[in-house]
Amino acid sequence: MKTRLSVNVNKIATLRNSRGQNTPNLLKVVEDIESFGSDGITIHPRPDQRHIRFSDALDLSKIVKSELNVEGNPIDSFMELVLKINPTQVTLVPDGVNNITSNSGWDTIKHSDFLHKKIQILKSSGIRTSIFVNPDPKMIKGAYEIGADRIELYTYHYAHYFNIDKDKAISEYYRSAKEANKLGIGINAGHDLNISNIAFFKERISNLLEVSIGHALITESLYEGFENVILKYKEILQ
């Protein structure tokens, strides 16, 4: 099956913010990325707005022609933002205020009541919901039981161990995907996936609906250009 590619553009905003001006122009880059074949755009507006700003999210919601996926911890300000812009998908991530990047998935059992309330609010507005989880079948079942439409597998550990023992690296993800498929909950994935390791991941994870890739894709594009890199990902994912 085809797996959709959603490009995370946080790093473009980081580069822009470093000079305090509007170069590169985030909106123009997003338009170009979509024209090169991206199936979606992912953003992660953090409370300190160190890369994607809340104003960026509002602007992007007006121009993104593919699917807009907004990631974040469902604190009040985040929930107000996503309910205002009504993206295709919201991915709930348990990141702390000072985290450099997301570093763990939700405990969907411990936080079931909290997450269930947030999911119901989002779904009542017609927003598809995804829960960021570690590769643990218990967490997948927990996400299913609180009403999430999808889970996003946190793939740091797969990427970290891929070059050491790829079969071992994929094992927990395979078990988790098997559980998700049994329950009928959709599977997304993201974090440190790249051109080198994504083909094996897709090969082993059946019914992989979407991958969200930012840091690696942006880095690879510094050498080969967005259009070439996006086409390479699309070829692998299709």
Protein backbone atom coordinates (compact mmCIF):
# COMPACT_ATOMS: atom_id res chain seq x y z
CA MET A 1 0.00 0.00 0.00
CA LYS A 2 1.03 3.60 -0.50
CA THR A 3 2.37 5.39 2.59
CA ARG A 4 1.82 9.14 2.67
CA LEU A 5 4.75 11.50 3.22
CA SER A 6 4.15 14.47 5.50
CA VAL A 7 7.07 16.91 5.61
CA ASN A 8 7.77 18.55 8.96
CA VAL A 9 8.86 22.15 8.30
CA ASN A 10 9.91 23.14 11.83
CA LYS A 11 13.56 23.43 10.74
CA ILE A 12 12.64 25.92 8.03
CA ALA A 13 11.09 28.14 10.70
CA THR A 14 14.15 27.67 12.92
CA LEU A 15 16.42 28.91 10.13
CA ARG A 16 14.15 31.88 9.47
CA ASN A 17 13.94 32.82 13.15
CA SER A 18 17.74 32.76 13.55
CA ARG A 19 18.02 36.05 11.64
CA GLY A 20 14.82 37.68 12.84
CA GLN A 21 13.62 38.29 9.30
CA ASN A 22 11.50 36.35 6.80
CA THR A 23 14.19 34.41 4.93
CA PRO A 24 13.56 31.67 4.09
CA ASN A 25 9.90 32.45 3.56
CA LEU A 26 8.10 29.59 5.30
CA LEU A 27 4.91 29.89 3.29
CA LYS A 28 6.77 29.84 -0.04
CA VAL A 29 8.83 26.82 1.04
CA VAL A 30 5.65 24.96 2.01
CA GLU A 31 4.06 25.77 -1.34
CA ASP A 32 7.16 24.45 -3.10
CA ILE A 33 7.30 21.28 -0.99
CA GLU A 34 3.69 20.53 -1.88
CA SER A 35 4.39 21.18 -5.57
CA PHE A 36 7.25 18.64 -5.38
CA GLY A 37 4.82 15.93 -4.27
CA SER A 38 4.52 15.99 -0.49
CA ASP A 39 1.26 14.44 0.70
CA GLY A 40 1.09 16.64 3.77
CA ILE A 41 2.73 19.27 5.94
CA THR A 42 3.52 18.75 9.63
CA ILE A 43 4.17 21.50 12.15
CA HIS A 44 4.85 21.41 15.87
CA PRO A 45 4.16 24.80 17.48
CA ARG A 46 5.78 24.73 20.93
CA PRO A 47 4.82 27.07 23.78
CA ASP A 48 8.04 29.10 23.41
CA GLN A 49 7.46 29.34 19.61
CA ARG A 50 11.18 28.78 19.00
CA HIS A 51 10.47 27.48 15.50
CA ILE A 52 6.87 27.35 14.30
CA ARG A 53 4.94 30.28 15.71
CA PHE A 54 1.21 30.22 16.42
CA SER A 55 0.85 32.88 13.71
CA ASP A 56 2.59 30.48 11.28
CA ALA A 57 0.02 27.83 12.06
CA LEU A 58 -2.79 30.26 11.29
CA ASP A 59 -1.15 31.34 8.01
CA LEU A 60 -0.38 27.78 6.92
CA SER A 61 -3.94 26.63 7.58
CA LYS A 62 -5.03 29.01 4.82
CA ILE A 63 -2.58 27.86 2.15
CA VAL A 64 -1.83 24.15 2.69
CA LYS A 65 -3.58 22.24 -0.06
CA SER A 66 -2.66 18.76 1.14
CA GLU A 67 -3.15 17.50 4.70
CA LEU A 68 -2.06 19.69 7.61
CA ASN A 69 -0.86 17.73 10.65
CA VAL A 70 -0.32 19.74 13.84
CA GLU A 71 1.69 18.13 16.63
CA GLY A 72 1.84 19.20 20.25
CA ASN A 73 1.07 18.74 23.90
CA PRO A 74 -2.67 19.44 24.38
CA ILE A 75 -2.29 22.29 26.85
CA ASP A 76 -4.98 24.97 26.71
CA SER A 77 -3.16 27.29 24.29
CA PHE A 78 -2.47 24.41 21.88
CA MET A 79 -6.07 23.21 21.97
CA GLU A 80 -7.36 26.73 21.32
CA LEU A 81 -5.03 27.00 18.32
CA VAL A 82 -5.96 23.72 16.65
CA LEU A 83 -9.67 24.21 17.21
CA LYS A 84 -9.34 27.59 15.52
CA ILE A 85 -7.47 26.37 12.44
CA ASN A 86 -9.16 22.94 12.18
CA PRO A 87 -6.30 20.92 10.60
CA THR A 88 -6.78 17.52 9.00
CA GLN A 89 -4.97 15.79 11.85
CA VAL A 90 -3.73 16.58 15.35
CA THR A 91 -0.98 14.42 16.80
CA LEU A 92 -0.83 14.60 20.60
CA VAL A 93 2.76 14.54 21.87
CA PRO A 94 3.78 14.54 25.57
CA ASP A 95 6.71 16.90 25.18
CA GLY A 96 7.83 19.12 28.02
CA VAL A 97 8.22 22.87 27.63
CA ASN A 98 12.03 22.67 27.60
CA ASN A 99 12.43 19.57 25.41
CA ILE A 100 14.73 20.10 22.44
CA THR A 101 12.68 17.52 20.56
CA SER A 102 10.10 14.87 21.36
CA ASN A 103 11.73 12.06 23.31
CA SER A 104 8.99 9.65 24.37
CA GLY A 105 5.47 8.56 23.66
CA TRP A 106 2.39 8.81 25.86
CA ASP A 107 1.55 6.34 28.57
CA THR A 108 -1.95 5.90 27.22
CA ILE A 109 -3.03 3.92 30.28
CA LYS A 110 -1.78 6.30 32.98
CA HIS A 111 -3.08 9.35 31.09
CA SER A 112 -6.20 7.75 29.64
CA ASP A 113 -8.76 10.11 31.20
CA PHE A 114 -6.82 13.23 30.20
CA LEU A 115 -6.24 12.05 26.64
CA HIS A 116 -9.78 10.75 26.19
CA LYS A 117 -11.20 14.20 27.00
CA LYS A 118 -8.86 15.90 24.53
CA ILE A 119 -9.60 13.37 21.80
CA GLN A 120 -13.34 13.81 22.19
CA ILE A 121 -13.01 17.59 21.86
CA LEU A 122 -10.94 17.23 18.68
CA LYS A 123 -13.12 14.58 17.11
CA SER A 124 -16.26 16.62 17.80
CA SER A 125 -14.72 19.23 15.48
CA GLY A 126 -14.04 16.62 12.80
CA ILE A 127 -10.29 16.51 13.41
CA ARG A 128 -8.51 13.17 12.99
CA THR A 129 -6.54 12.34 16.13
CA SER A 130 -3.24 10.52 16.47
CA ILE A 131 -1.38 9.64 19.66
CA PHE A 132 2.43 9.61 19.79
CA VAL A 133 3.44 6.31 21.43
CA ASN A 134 6.45 4.13 22.10
CA PRO A 135 6.44 0.75 20.31
CA ASP A 136 4.53 -1.14 23.00
CA PRO A 137 1.37 -3.12 22.21
CA LYS A 138 -0.12 -2.10 25.58
CA MET A 139 0.18 1.56 24.63
CA ILE A 140 -1.42 0.88 21.26
CA LYS A 141 -4.34 -0.84 22.94
CA GLY A 142 -4.61 2.07 25.35
CA ALA A 143 -4.77 4.53 22.45
CA TYR A 144 -7.50 2.46 20.82
CA GLU A 145 -9.55 2.31 24.00
CA ILE A 146 -9.56 6.09 24.47
CA GLY A 147 -10.81 6.65 20.94
CA ALA A 148 -7.74 7.72 18.94
CA ASP A 149 -8.03 7.31 15.18
CA ARG A 150 -4.34 6.56 14.78
CA ILE A 151 -1.10 6.07 16.65
CA GLU A 152 2.24 7.54 15.62
CA LEU A 153 5.09 5.21 16.45
CA TYR A 154 8.08 7.01 17.97
CA THR A 155 10.88 5.68 15.78
CA TYR A 156 13.98 7.04 17.50
CA HIS A 157 15.01 3.62 18.82
CA TYR A 158 14.50 1.99 15.43
CA ALA A 159 16.70 4.61 13.75
CA HIS A 160 19.31 4.46 16.51
CA TYR A 161 19.78 0.68 16.32
CA PHE A 162 19.13 0.22 12.59
CA ASN A 163 22.82 0.10 11.62
CA ILE A 164 23.64 -2.24 14.50
CA ASP A 165 20.94 -4.89 14.06
CA LYS A 166 18.02 -3.89 11.88
CA ASP A 167 15.99 -7.03 12.62
CA LYS A 168 16.25 -6.38 16.35
CA ALA A 169 15.59 -2.69 15.79
CA ILE A 170 12.29 -3.39 14.03
CA SER A 171 11.01 -6.18 16.31
CA GLU A 172 9.02 -4.09 18.80
CA TYR A 173 7.60 -1.96 16.00
CA TYR A 174 6.48 -5.07 14.16
CA ARG A 175 4.69 -6.35 17.29
CA SER A 176 3.08 -2.99 17.85
CA ALA A 177 1.90 -2.72 14.25
CA LYS A 178 0.46 -6.20 14.47
CA GLU A 179 -1.55 -5.12 17.52
CA ALA A 180 -2.70 -1.93 15.80
CA ASN A 181 -3.84 -3.86 12.73
CA LYS A 182 -5.72 -6.32 14.93
CA LEU A 183 -7.54 -3.46 16.67
CA GLY A 184 -8.14 -1.52 13.44
CA ILE A 185 -6.35 1.65 14.52
CA GLY A 186 -4.32 3.50 11.88
CA ILE A 187 -0.51 3.57 11.95
CA ASN A 188 1.68 6.63 11.45
CA ALA A 189 5.38 6.87 12.28
CA GLY A 190 8.04 9.48 12.76
CA HIS A 191 11.32 10.58 14.36
CA ASP A 192 14.76 10.11 12.80
CA LEU A 193 13.46 8.17 9.80
CA ASN A 194 15.61 8.91 6.75
CA ILE A 195 16.42 7.79 3.21
CA SER A 196 18.67 5.01 4.49
CA ASN A 197 16.34 3.35 6.99
CA ILE A 198 12.81 4.05 5.80
CA ALA A 199 12.52 1.32 3.14
CA PHE A 200 13.12 -1.49 5.64
CA PHE A 201 10.67 0.09 8.08
CA LYS A 202 7.93 0.29 5.47
CA GLU A 203 8.67 -3.26 4.30
CA ARG A 204 8.14 -4.67 7.80
CA ILE A 205 5.30 -2.46 9.06
CA SER A 206 2.13 -3.45 7.24
CA ASN A 207 -0.58 -0.84 6.69
CA LEU A 208 1.74 2.09 7.42
CA LEU A 209 -0.46 5.05 6.53
CA GLU A 210 1.84 8.02 7.00
CA VAL A 211 5.36 9.03 7.94
CA SER A 212 6.26 12.47 9.23
CA ILE A 213 9.85 13.45 8.42
CA GLY A 214 11.52 16.76 9.11
CA HIS A 215 15.09 16.98 10.39
CA ALA A 216 16.50 14.24 8.14
CA LEU A 217 14.65 15.35 5.03
CA ILE A 218 15.68 18.98 5.47
CA THR A 219 19.30 17.93 6.05
CA GLU A 220 19.32 15.64 3.00
CA SER A 221 17.82 18.44 0.93
CA LEU A 222 20.78 20.71 1.71
CA TYR A 223 22.82 18.42 -0.54
CA GLU A 224 20.29 17.23 -3.11
CA GLY A 225 17.46 19.74 -3.10
CA PHE A 226 13.88 19.38 -1.88
CA GLU A 227 12.48 18.13 -5.16
CA ASN A 228 15.00 15.30 -5.55
CA VAL A 229 14.75 14.19 -1.93
CA ILE A 230 10.94 14.26 -1.83
CA LEU A 231 10.81 12.21 -5.03
CA LYS A 232 13.19 9.65 -3.49
CA TYR A 233 10.98 9.29 -0.41
CA LYS A 234 7.86 9.03 -2.54
CA GLU A 235 9.39 6.29 -4.67
CA ILE A 236 10.27 4.26 -1.56
CA LEU A 237 6.91 4.82 0.11
CA GLN A 238 4.86 3.90 -2.93
